[in-house]
N, C-alpha and C. Protein backbone atom coordinates (compact mmCIF):
# COMPACT_ATOMS: atom_id res chain seq x y z
N MET A 1 -16.84 -16.30 7.91
CA MET A 1 -15.55 -17.00 7.87
C MET A 1 -14.46 -16.09 8.35
N ILE A 2 -14.46 -14.81 7.97
CA ILE A 2 -13.41 -13.86 8.42
C ILE A 2 -13.48 -13.73 9.92
N THR A 3 -14.71 -13.62 10.49
CA THR A 3 -14.88 -13.56 11.90
C THR A 3 -14.23 -14.72 12.61
N GLN A 4 -14.43 -15.95 12.07
CA GLN A 4 -13.84 -17.14 12.66
C GLN A 4 -12.34 -17.09 12.64
N LEU A 5 -11.75 -16.64 11.53
CA LEU A 5 -10.28 -16.50 11.43
C LEU A 5 -9.79 -15.52 12.45
N CYS A 6 -10.52 -14.42 12.69
CA CYS A 6 -10.10 -13.44 13.66
C CYS A 6 -10.17 -14.00 15.08
N GLN A 7 -11.26 -14.74 15.39
CA GLN A 7 -11.48 -15.32 16.69
C GLN A 7 -10.49 -16.40 17.06
N THR A 8 -10.07 -17.09 16.05
CA THR A 8 -9.08 -18.23 16.35
C THR A 8 -7.66 -17.68 16.46
N GLY A 9 -7.42 -16.43 16.07
CA GLY A 9 -6.09 -15.85 16.14
C GLY A 9 -5.22 -16.14 14.94
N LEU A 10 -5.77 -16.81 13.92
CA LEU A 10 -5.01 -17.14 12.72
C LEU A 10 -4.65 -15.86 11.94
N LEU A 11 -5.53 -14.91 11.90
CA LEU A 11 -5.18 -13.70 11.13
C LEU A 11 -4.11 -12.89 11.82
N ALA A 12 -3.98 -13.02 13.14
CA ALA A 12 -2.89 -12.32 13.81
C ALA A 12 -1.52 -12.85 13.39
N ARG A 13 -1.47 -14.08 12.99
CA ARG A 13 -0.21 -14.68 12.58
C ARG A 13 0.09 -14.51 11.07
N ALA A 14 -0.91 -13.98 10.35
CA ALA A 14 -0.74 -13.79 8.88
C ALA A 14 0.08 -12.56 8.61
N SER A 15 0.94 -12.64 7.57
CA SER A 15 1.64 -11.46 7.14
C SER A 15 1.04 -10.76 5.94
N ALA A 16 0.07 -11.43 5.32
CA ALA A 16 -0.70 -10.87 4.18
C ALA A 16 -2.04 -11.57 4.09
N VAL A 17 -2.98 -10.93 3.44
CA VAL A 17 -4.30 -11.50 3.20
C VAL A 17 -4.60 -11.40 1.74
N VAL A 18 -5.12 -12.49 1.09
CA VAL A 18 -5.51 -12.49 -0.27
C VAL A 18 -6.96 -12.91 -0.33
N ILE A 19 -7.83 -12.03 -0.88
CA ILE A 19 -9.27 -12.28 -0.90
C ILE A 19 -9.66 -12.31 -2.37
N GLY A 20 -10.58 -13.27 -2.70
CA GLY A 20 -11.03 -13.48 -4.09
C GLY A 20 -11.89 -12.36 -4.61
N GLU A 21 -12.49 -12.60 -5.77
CA GLU A 21 -13.30 -11.58 -6.43
C GLU A 21 -14.62 -11.30 -5.73
N LEU A 22 -15.19 -12.25 -5.04
CA LEU A 22 -16.50 -12.12 -4.35
C LEU A 22 -17.64 -11.82 -5.33
N PRO A 23 -17.75 -12.57 -6.43
CA PRO A 23 -18.84 -12.26 -7.36
C PRO A 23 -20.24 -12.55 -6.73
N GLU A 24 -21.13 -11.72 -7.09
CA GLU A 24 -22.54 -11.84 -6.65
C GLU A 24 -22.66 -11.83 -5.11
N CYS A 25 -21.82 -11.17 -4.40
CA CYS A 25 -21.85 -11.10 -2.92
C CYS A 25 -22.37 -9.73 -2.46
N ASP A 26 -22.62 -8.76 -3.38
CA ASP A 26 -23.13 -7.50 -2.93
C ASP A 26 -24.62 -7.60 -2.67
N GLU A 27 -25.08 -6.71 -1.80
CA GLU A 27 -26.51 -6.60 -1.52
C GLU A 27 -27.25 -6.29 -2.81
N PRO A 28 -28.36 -6.88 -3.15
CA PRO A 28 -29.11 -6.57 -4.38
C PRO A 28 -29.42 -5.05 -4.53
N SER A 29 -29.66 -4.40 -3.40
CA SER A 29 -30.00 -2.92 -3.43
C SER A 29 -28.78 -2.12 -3.84
N GLY A 30 -27.57 -2.68 -3.67
CA GLY A 30 -26.34 -1.95 -3.97
C GLY A 30 -25.87 -1.14 -2.79
N ASP A 31 -26.59 -1.17 -1.71
CA ASP A 31 -26.20 -0.34 -0.52
C ASP A 31 -24.94 -0.91 0.16
N ILE A 32 -24.78 -2.22 0.13
CA ILE A 32 -23.60 -2.84 0.79
C ILE A 32 -22.84 -3.64 -0.23
N ARG A 33 -21.57 -3.33 -0.42
CA ARG A 33 -20.75 -4.04 -1.36
C ARG A 33 -19.72 -4.90 -0.60
N ALA A 34 -19.54 -6.11 -1.03
CA ALA A 34 -18.65 -7.06 -0.33
C ALA A 34 -17.27 -6.52 -0.28
N ARG A 35 -16.82 -5.85 -1.34
CA ARG A 35 -15.46 -5.26 -1.40
C ARG A 35 -15.29 -4.24 -0.31
N ASP A 36 -16.32 -3.38 -0.12
CA ASP A 36 -16.28 -2.34 0.96
C ASP A 36 -16.20 -2.98 2.30
N VAL A 37 -16.97 -4.03 2.51
CA VAL A 37 -17.00 -4.69 3.84
C VAL A 37 -15.61 -5.22 4.08
N MET A 38 -14.94 -5.92 3.13
CA MET A 38 -13.62 -6.47 3.33
C MET A 38 -12.56 -5.34 3.60
N ALA A 39 -12.72 -4.25 2.85
CA ALA A 39 -11.81 -3.12 3.05
C ALA A 39 -11.92 -2.58 4.45
N THR A 40 -13.09 -2.51 4.98
CA THR A 40 -13.28 -2.06 6.36
C THR A 40 -12.76 -3.05 7.37
N LEU A 41 -12.99 -4.32 7.12
CA LEU A 41 -12.53 -5.34 8.09
C LEU A 41 -11.02 -5.37 8.20
N PHE A 42 -10.35 -5.11 7.09
CA PHE A 42 -8.90 -5.23 7.07
C PHE A 42 -8.19 -3.88 7.02
N ARG A 43 -8.87 -2.76 7.27
CA ARG A 43 -8.20 -1.48 7.21
C ARG A 43 -7.05 -1.30 8.18
N ASP A 44 -7.09 -1.98 9.28
CA ASP A 44 -5.99 -1.88 10.27
C ASP A 44 -5.01 -3.07 10.25
N PHE A 45 -5.19 -3.91 9.23
CA PHE A 45 -4.27 -5.07 9.07
C PHE A 45 -2.91 -4.54 8.75
N PRO A 46 -1.84 -5.04 9.47
CA PRO A 46 -0.51 -4.44 9.28
C PRO A 46 0.18 -4.81 7.92
N GLY A 47 -0.27 -5.84 7.27
CA GLY A 47 0.39 -6.24 6.04
C GLY A 47 -0.44 -5.94 4.79
N PRO A 48 0.07 -6.40 3.64
CA PRO A 48 -0.70 -6.17 2.40
C PRO A 48 -1.97 -7.04 2.34
N VAL A 49 -2.94 -6.47 1.73
CA VAL A 49 -4.27 -7.08 1.54
C VAL A 49 -4.67 -6.96 0.07
N LEU A 50 -4.73 -8.08 -0.63
CA LEU A 50 -5.14 -8.06 -2.01
C LEU A 50 -6.64 -8.45 -2.09
N LEU A 51 -7.42 -7.51 -2.68
CA LEU A 51 -8.86 -7.73 -2.91
C LEU A 51 -9.12 -8.02 -4.41
N GLY A 52 -9.95 -8.96 -4.71
CA GLY A 52 -10.27 -9.27 -6.12
C GLY A 52 -9.30 -10.24 -6.77
N PHE A 53 -8.65 -11.06 -6.01
CA PHE A 53 -7.75 -12.05 -6.57
C PHE A 53 -8.50 -13.09 -7.33
N PRO A 54 -8.08 -13.45 -8.58
CA PRO A 54 -8.87 -14.41 -9.36
C PRO A 54 -8.66 -15.87 -8.92
N SER A 55 -9.24 -16.21 -7.79
CA SER A 55 -9.13 -17.61 -7.30
C SER A 55 -10.40 -17.87 -6.49
N GLY A 56 -10.70 -19.17 -6.37
CA GLY A 56 -11.87 -19.56 -5.65
C GLY A 56 -13.16 -19.29 -6.43
N HIS A 57 -14.22 -18.81 -5.83
CA HIS A 57 -15.44 -18.45 -6.51
C HIS A 57 -15.19 -17.17 -7.33
N THR A 58 -15.05 -17.33 -8.60
CA THR A 58 -14.70 -16.18 -9.47
C THR A 58 -15.43 -16.21 -10.75
N ILE A 59 -15.50 -15.06 -11.42
CA ILE A 59 -16.17 -15.00 -12.71
C ILE A 59 -15.18 -15.07 -13.84
N SER A 60 -13.88 -14.80 -13.53
CA SER A 60 -12.83 -14.87 -14.55
C SER A 60 -12.10 -16.18 -14.35
N PRO A 61 -11.23 -16.54 -15.31
CA PRO A 61 -10.49 -17.78 -15.10
C PRO A 61 -9.81 -17.80 -13.74
N ALA A 62 -9.94 -18.90 -13.05
CA ALA A 62 -9.42 -19.01 -11.70
C ALA A 62 -8.04 -19.56 -11.59
N MET A 63 -7.21 -18.96 -10.76
CA MET A 63 -5.90 -19.53 -10.46
C MET A 63 -6.00 -20.55 -9.37
N THR A 64 -5.36 -21.70 -9.60
CA THR A 64 -5.35 -22.73 -8.61
C THR A 64 -4.20 -22.45 -7.66
N LEU A 65 -4.47 -22.35 -6.36
CA LEU A 65 -3.46 -22.07 -5.37
C LEU A 65 -3.15 -23.24 -4.54
N PRO A 66 -1.91 -23.68 -4.50
CA PRO A 66 -1.53 -24.83 -3.67
C PRO A 66 -1.55 -24.45 -2.20
N LEU A 67 -1.92 -25.43 -1.34
CA LEU A 67 -1.95 -25.17 0.08
C LEU A 67 -0.63 -25.54 0.68
N GLY A 68 -0.22 -24.83 1.69
CA GLY A 68 0.98 -25.18 2.44
C GLY A 68 2.29 -24.78 1.78
N VAL A 69 2.29 -23.92 0.86
CA VAL A 69 3.55 -23.52 0.24
C VAL A 69 3.87 -22.02 0.62
N SER A 70 5.13 -21.69 0.50
CA SER A 70 5.50 -20.27 0.82
C SER A 70 5.16 -19.42 -0.40
N CYS A 71 4.70 -18.23 -0.13
CA CYS A 71 4.43 -17.28 -1.20
C CYS A 71 4.73 -15.89 -0.72
N ARG A 72 4.80 -14.98 -1.70
CA ARG A 72 5.09 -13.58 -1.36
C ARG A 72 3.99 -12.74 -2.02
N VAL A 73 3.45 -11.81 -1.21
CA VAL A 73 2.41 -10.92 -1.71
C VAL A 73 3.04 -9.56 -1.97
N ILE A 74 2.88 -9.05 -3.19
CA ILE A 74 3.44 -7.78 -3.56
C ILE A 74 2.27 -6.83 -3.83
N ALA A 75 2.21 -5.79 -3.01
CA ALA A 75 1.02 -4.86 -3.13
C ALA A 75 1.53 -3.49 -3.55
N ASP A 76 1.95 -3.45 -4.80
CA ASP A 76 2.41 -2.20 -5.43
C ASP A 76 1.36 -1.78 -6.48
N LYS A 77 1.83 -1.01 -7.46
CA LYS A 77 0.95 -0.60 -8.53
C LYS A 77 0.36 -1.77 -9.28
N HIS A 78 1.04 -2.88 -9.33
CA HIS A 78 0.51 -4.09 -10.04
C HIS A 78 0.53 -5.24 -8.98
N PRO A 79 -0.49 -5.28 -8.10
CA PRO A 79 -0.56 -6.27 -7.01
C PRO A 79 -0.44 -7.68 -7.55
N ARG A 80 0.25 -8.58 -6.88
CA ARG A 80 0.36 -9.94 -7.28
C ARG A 80 0.83 -10.81 -6.16
N MET A 81 0.71 -12.11 -6.38
CA MET A 81 1.20 -13.09 -5.44
C MET A 81 2.17 -14.01 -6.18
N VAL A 82 3.38 -14.19 -5.52
CA VAL A 82 4.39 -15.07 -6.16
C VAL A 82 4.50 -16.32 -5.28
N ILE A 83 4.29 -17.50 -5.92
CA ILE A 83 4.42 -18.74 -5.17
C ILE A 83 5.91 -19.14 -5.26
N GLU A 84 6.56 -19.29 -4.15
CA GLU A 84 8.04 -19.41 -4.12
C GLU A 84 8.53 -20.87 -3.99
N GLU A 85 7.66 -21.83 -4.00
CA GLU A 85 8.14 -23.20 -3.96
C GLU A 85 7.08 -24.08 -4.71
N SER A 86 7.55 -25.28 -5.09
CA SER A 86 6.68 -26.19 -5.80
C SER A 86 5.72 -26.90 -4.81
N ALA A 87 4.52 -27.14 -5.31
CA ALA A 87 3.59 -27.95 -4.51
C ALA A 87 3.93 -29.45 -4.57
N VAL A 88 3.70 -30.12 -3.49
CA VAL A 88 3.95 -31.56 -3.43
C VAL A 88 2.65 -32.28 -3.44
N VAL A 89 2.52 -33.28 -4.29
CA VAL A 89 1.30 -34.04 -4.39
C VAL A 89 1.33 -35.21 -3.46
């Protein structure tokens, strides 16, 4: 999916990337970890990248994220995402 986003040019328009926890996505041998793959793919991304965000396929309680709203990604000592407008149903 990440490759498709790169090929379509959508990631080039993104100002930040938020990636979920990726549970059970590591190779069983432990040689390849999904988190390391994502870190490598996004190492040259010019904006903030949050890895391990509790949304989507997750083992912890999941945050529901509305689509099509403005948000702000803060990548400091306590990384977070702030949704800046209400979702419309």
